[in-house]
């Protein structure tokens, strides 16, 4: 299989996993156990975004494929805050749930931004062989 086909497959997989994760996290926002609001989606968003971006970069070596999960998560999470034509709102912004929603959006973006920053700060792979060096550091 060619490198382009492998990267395209990895990109599709990264987008699918990020979209699924974002959708699950959005629906976890109102999670309550014994009547107490549990911010599980906030932790999942911060850790999940970081790990998805880092994992995509480690597996493919492509910066573009690594950034795709963060962009996908952001698109799904922001679309959940928009009112639907019927007037429904998935991610609400009032009371304790509003605080959890803001933390979800904020920390999810921070997790993704830190990971994307780390990916973009790494030197790009050029595919060229690096000349070997001896013990003194001189090229052979």
C-alpha atoms as a PDB file:
ATOM      1  CA  UNK A   1       0.000   0.000   0.000  1.00  0.00           C
ATOM      2  CA  UNK A   2       1.308   3.461  -0.806  1.00  0.00           C
ATOM      3  CA  UNK A   3       2.061   6.085   1.811  1.00  0.00           C
ATOM      4  CA  UNK A   4      -0.760   8.296   0.506  1.00  0.00           C
ATOM      5  CA  UNK A   5      -3.308   5.495   0.885  1.00  0.00           C
ATOM      6  CA  UNK A   6      -2.062   4.727   4.386  1.00  0.00           C
ATOM      7  CA  UNK A   7      -2.313   8.388   5.390  1.00  0.00           C
ATOM      8  CA  UNK A   8      -5.791   8.675   3.879  1.00  0.00           C
ATOM      9  CA  UNK A   9      -6.941   5.625   5.827  1.00  0.00           C
ATOM     10  CA  UNK A  10      -5.410   6.967   9.014  1.00  0.00           C
ATOM     11  CA  UNK A  11      -7.068  10.347   8.431  1.00  0.00           C
ATOM     12  CA  UNK A  12     -10.490   8.745   8.000  1.00  0.00           C
ATOM     13  CA  UNK A  13      -9.962   6.659  11.123  1.00  0.00           C
ATOM     14  CA  UNK A  14      -8.777   9.675  13.155  1.00  0.00           C
ATOM     15  CA  UNK A  15     -11.794  11.754  12.078  1.00  0.00           C
ATOM     16  CA  UNK A  16     -14.214   8.897  12.822  1.00  0.00           C
ATOM     17  CA  UNK A  17     -12.795   8.245  16.296  1.00  0.00           C
ATOM     18  CA  UNK A  18     -12.675  11.961  17.154  1.00  0.00           C
ATOM     19  CA  UNK A  19     -16.258  12.481  15.946  1.00  0.00           C
ATOM     20  CA  UNK A  20     -17.520   9.496  17.914  1.00  0.00           C
ATOM     21  CA  UNK A  21     -15.627  10.583  21.037  1.00  0.00           C
ATOM     22  CA  UNK A  22     -16.954  14.147  20.800  1.00  0.00           C
ATOM     23  CA  UNK A  23     -20.516  12.926  20.343  1.00  0.00           C
ATOM     24  CA  UNK A  24     -20.293  10.610  23.353  1.00  0.00           C
ATOM     25  CA  UNK A  25     -18.748  13.379  25.460  1.00  0.00           C
ATOM     26  CA  UNK A  26     -21.485  15.852  24.518  1.00  0.00           C
ATOM     27  CA  UNK A  27     -24.161  13.398  25.598  1.00  0.00           C
ATOM     28  CA  UNK A  28     -22.258  12.721  28.846  1.00  0.00           C
ATOM     29  CA  UNK A  29     -22.513  16.411  29.792  1.00  0.00           C
ATOM     30  CA  UNK A  30     -25.720  16.024  31.856  1.00  0.00           C
ATOM     31  CA  UNK A  31     -24.470  12.794  33.510  1.00  0.00           C
ATOM     32  CA  UNK A  32     -25.672  12.544  37.100  1.00  0.00           C
ATOM     33  CA  UNK A  33     -25.005   9.847  39.653  1.00  0.00           C
ATOM     34  CA  UNK A  34     -27.339   9.935  42.646  1.00  0.00           C
ATOM     35  CA  UNK A  35     -28.536  13.376  41.571  1.00  0.00           C
ATOM     36  CA  UNK A  36     -24.997  14.801  41.572  1.00  0.00           C
ATOM     37  CA  UNK A  37     -23.627  16.244  38.342  1.00  0.00           C
ATOM     38  CA  UNK A  38     -20.511  14.285  37.333  1.00  0.00           C
ATOM     39  CA  UNK A  39     -18.156  16.139  34.921  1.00  0.00           C
ATOM     40  CA  UNK A  40     -16.833  12.968  33.284  1.00  0.00           C
ATOM     41  CA  UNK A  41     -17.049  14.553  29.841  1.00  0.00           C
ATOM     42  CA  UNK A  42     -14.672  17.330  30.915  1.00  0.00           C
ATOM     43  CA  UNK A  43     -11.938  14.846  31.819  1.00  0.00           C
ATOM     44  CA  UNK A  44     -12.616  12.749  28.732  1.00  0.00           C
ATOM     45  CA  UNK A  45     -12.434  15.837  26.481  1.00  0.00           C
ATOM     46  CA  UNK A  46      -9.123  17.101  27.850  1.00  0.00           C
ATOM     47  CA  UNK A  47      -7.397  13.710  27.958  1.00  0.00           C
ATOM     48  CA  UNK A  48      -9.049  12.312  24.831  1.00  0.00           C
ATOM     49  CA  UNK A  49      -8.132  15.257  22.623  1.00  0.00           C
ATOM     50  CA  UNK A  50      -4.551  15.247  23.822  1.00  0.00           C
ATOM     51  CA  UNK A  51      -4.155  11.502  23.329  1.00  0.00           C
ATOM     52  CA  UNK A  52      -5.898  11.419  19.940  1.00  0.00           C
ATOM     53  CA  UNK A  53      -3.692  14.130  18.470  1.00  0.00           C
ATOM     54  CA  UNK A  54      -0.493  12.679  19.933  1.00  0.00           C
ATOM     55  CA  UNK A  55      -1.459   9.148  18.910  1.00  0.00           C
ATOM     56  CA  UNK A  56      -2.312  10.141  15.349  1.00  0.00           C
ATOM     57  CA  UNK A  57       1.041  11.888  15.027  1.00  0.00           C
ATOM     58  CA  UNK A  58       3.020   8.987  16.462  1.00  0.00           C
ATOM     59  CA  UNK A  59       1.272   6.448  14.264  1.00  0.00           C
ATOM     60  CA  UNK A  60       1.461   8.374  10.996  1.00  0.00           C
ATOM     61  CA  UNK A  61       4.200  10.979  11.406  1.00  0.00           C
ATOM     62  CA  UNK A  62       1.904  13.391   9.553  1.00  0.00           C
ATOM     63  CA  UNK A  63       1.119  16.776  11.049  1.00  0.00           C
ATOM     64  CA  UNK A  64      -2.031  17.089   8.970  1.00  0.00           C
ATOM     65  CA  UNK A  65      -3.454  13.766  10.144  1.00  0.00           C
ATOM     66  CA  UNK A  66      -2.530  14.686  13.727  1.00  0.00           C
ATOM     67  CA  UNK A  67      -4.489  17.960  13.604  1.00  0.00           C
ATOM     68  CA  UNK A  68      -7.644  16.385  12.142  1.00  0.00           C
ATOM     69  CA  UNK A  69      -8.956  14.902  15.439  1.00  0.00           C
ATOM     70  CA  UNK A  70      -8.763  18.308  17.141  1.00  0.00           C
ATOM     71  CA  UNK A  71     -10.621  20.045  14.305  1.00  0.00           C
ATOM     72  CA  UNK A  72     -13.266  17.297  14.198  1.00  0.00           C
ATOM     73  CA  UNK A  73     -13.813  17.421  17.969  1.00  0.00           C
ATOM     74  CA  UNK A  74     -14.167  21.197  17.880  1.00  0.00           C
ATOM     75  CA  UNK A  75     -16.699  21.057  15.036  1.00  0.00           C
ATOM     76  CA  UNK A  76     -18.870  18.488  16.837  1.00  0.00           C
ATOM     77  CA  UNK A  77     -18.611  20.201  20.232  1.00  0.00           C
ATOM     78  CA  UNK A  78     -19.453  23.649  18.853  1.00  0.00           C
ATOM     79  CA  UNK A  79     -22.350  22.325  16.795  1.00  0.00           C
ATOM     80  CA  UNK A  80     -23.807  20.886  20.010  1.00  0.00           C
ATOM     81  CA  UNK A  81     -24.030  24.411  21.429  1.00  0.00           C
ATOM     82  CA  UNK A  82     -26.120  25.688  18.502  1.00  0.00           C
ATOM     83  CA  UNK A  83     -29.895  25.649  18.704  1.00  0.00           C
ATOM     84  CA  UNK A  84     -31.571  23.189  16.352  1.00  0.00           C
ATOM     85  CA  UNK A  85     -34.480  24.274  14.106  1.00  0.00           C
ATOM     86  CA  UNK A  86     -36.898  22.671  16.594  1.00  0.00           C
ATOM     87  CA  UNK A  87     -35.438  24.845  19.359  1.00  0.00           C
ATOM     88  CA  UNK A  88     -33.586  21.997  21.095  1.00  0.00           C
ATOM     89  CA  UNK A  89     -30.203  22.619  22.627  1.00  0.00           C
ATOM     90  CA  UNK A  90     -27.861  19.711  23.405  1.00  0.00           C
ATOM     91  CA  UNK A  91     -25.182  21.570  25.363  1.00  0.00           C
ATOM     92  CA  UNK A  92     -26.988  24.084  27.556  1.00  0.00           C
ATOM     93  CA  UNK A  93     -25.434  27.103  29.201  1.00  0.00           C
ATOM     94  CA  UNK A  94     -27.302  27.694  32.465  1.00  0.00           C
ATOM     95  CA  UNK A  95     -26.773  26.629  36.065  1.00  0.00           C
ATOM     96  CA  UNK A  96     -24.370  23.891  37.087  1.00  0.00           C
ATOM     97  CA  UNK A  97     -24.706  22.174  33.736  1.00  0.00           C
ATOM     98  CA  UNK A  98     -23.678  25.423  32.046  1.00  0.00           C
ATOM     99  CA  UNK A  99     -20.509  25.463  34.129  1.00  0.00           C
ATOM    100  CA  UNK A 100     -19.741  21.876  33.151  1.00  0.00           C
ATOM    101  CA  UNK A 101     -20.418  22.731  29.495  1.00  0.00           C
ATOM    102  CA  UNK A 102     -18.022  25.678  29.597  1.00  0.00           C
ATOM    103  CA  UNK A 103     -15.365  23.559  31.325  1.00  0.00           C
ATOM    104  CA  UNK A 104     -15.924  20.853  28.693  1.00  0.00           C
ATOM    105  CA  UNK A 105     -15.404  23.292  25.831  1.00  0.00           C
ATOM    106  CA  UNK A 106     -12.524  25.130  27.483  1.00  0.00           C
ATOM    107  CA  UNK A 107     -10.492  22.166  28.693  1.00  0.00           C
ATOM    108  CA  UNK A 108     -11.223  20.169  25.548  1.00  0.00           C
ATOM    109  CA  UNK A 109      -9.791  22.965  23.451  1.00  0.00           C
ATOM    110  CA  UNK A 110      -6.809  23.326  25.793  1.00  0.00           C
ATOM    111  CA  UNK A 111      -6.034  19.598  25.582  1.00  0.00           C
ATOM    112  CA  UNK A 112      -6.217  19.722  21.792  1.00  0.00           C
ATOM    113  CA  UNK A 113      -4.233  22.970  21.550  1.00  0.00           C
ATOM    114  CA  UNK A 114      -1.402  21.672  23.735  1.00  0.00           C
ATOM    115  CA  UNK A 115      -1.150  18.487  21.682  1.00  0.00           C
ATOM    116  CA  UNK A 116      -1.307  20.350  18.358  1.00  0.00           C
ATOM    117  CA  UNK A 117       1.351  22.765  19.607  1.00  0.00           C
ATOM    118  CA  UNK A 118       3.610  19.867  20.526  1.00  0.00           C
ATOM    119  CA  UNK A 119       3.064  18.250  17.134  1.00  0.00           C
ATOM    120  CA  UNK A 120       3.785  21.441  15.220  1.00  0.00           C
ATOM    121  CA  UNK A 121       6.886  22.114  17.331  1.00  0.00           C
ATOM    122  CA  UNK A 122       8.502  18.814  16.366  1.00  0.00           C
ATOM    123  CA  UNK A 123      10.838  18.898  13.381  1.00  0.00           C
ATOM    124  CA  UNK A 124       9.214  17.726  10.164  1.00  0.00           C
ATOM    125  CA  UNK A 125      10.292  14.389   8.771  1.00  0.00           C
ATOM    126  CA  UNK A 126      11.926  14.949   5.415  1.00  0.00           C
ATOM    127  CA  UNK A 127      12.403  11.346   4.415  1.00  0.00           C
ATOM    128  CA  UNK A 128      16.118  11.921   3.702  1.00  0.00           C
ATOM    129  CA  UNK A 129      18.810   9.846   5.325  1.00  0.00           C
ATOM    130  CA  UNK A 130      20.859  11.723   7.892  1.00  0.00           C
ATOM    131  CA  UNK A 131      24.611  11.307   7.402  1.00  0.00           C
ATOM    132  CA  UNK A 132      26.145   9.179  10.115  1.00  0.00           C
ATOM    133  CA  UNK A 133      28.626  10.769  12.461  1.00  0.00           C
ATOM    134  CA  UNK A 134      31.606   9.290  14.233  1.00  0.00           C
ATOM    135  CA  UNK A 135      32.481   9.629  17.896  1.00  0.00           C
ATOM    136  CA  UNK A 136      34.043  13.064  17.338  1.00  0.00           C
ATOM    137  CA  UNK A 137      30.945  14.371  15.578  1.00  0.00           C
ATOM    138  CA  UNK A 138      32.657  14.665  12.183  1.00  0.00           C
ATOM    139  CA  UNK A 139      30.916  13.256   9.152  1.00  0.00           C
ATOM    140  CA  UNK A 140      32.347  10.082   7.656  1.00  0.00           C
END
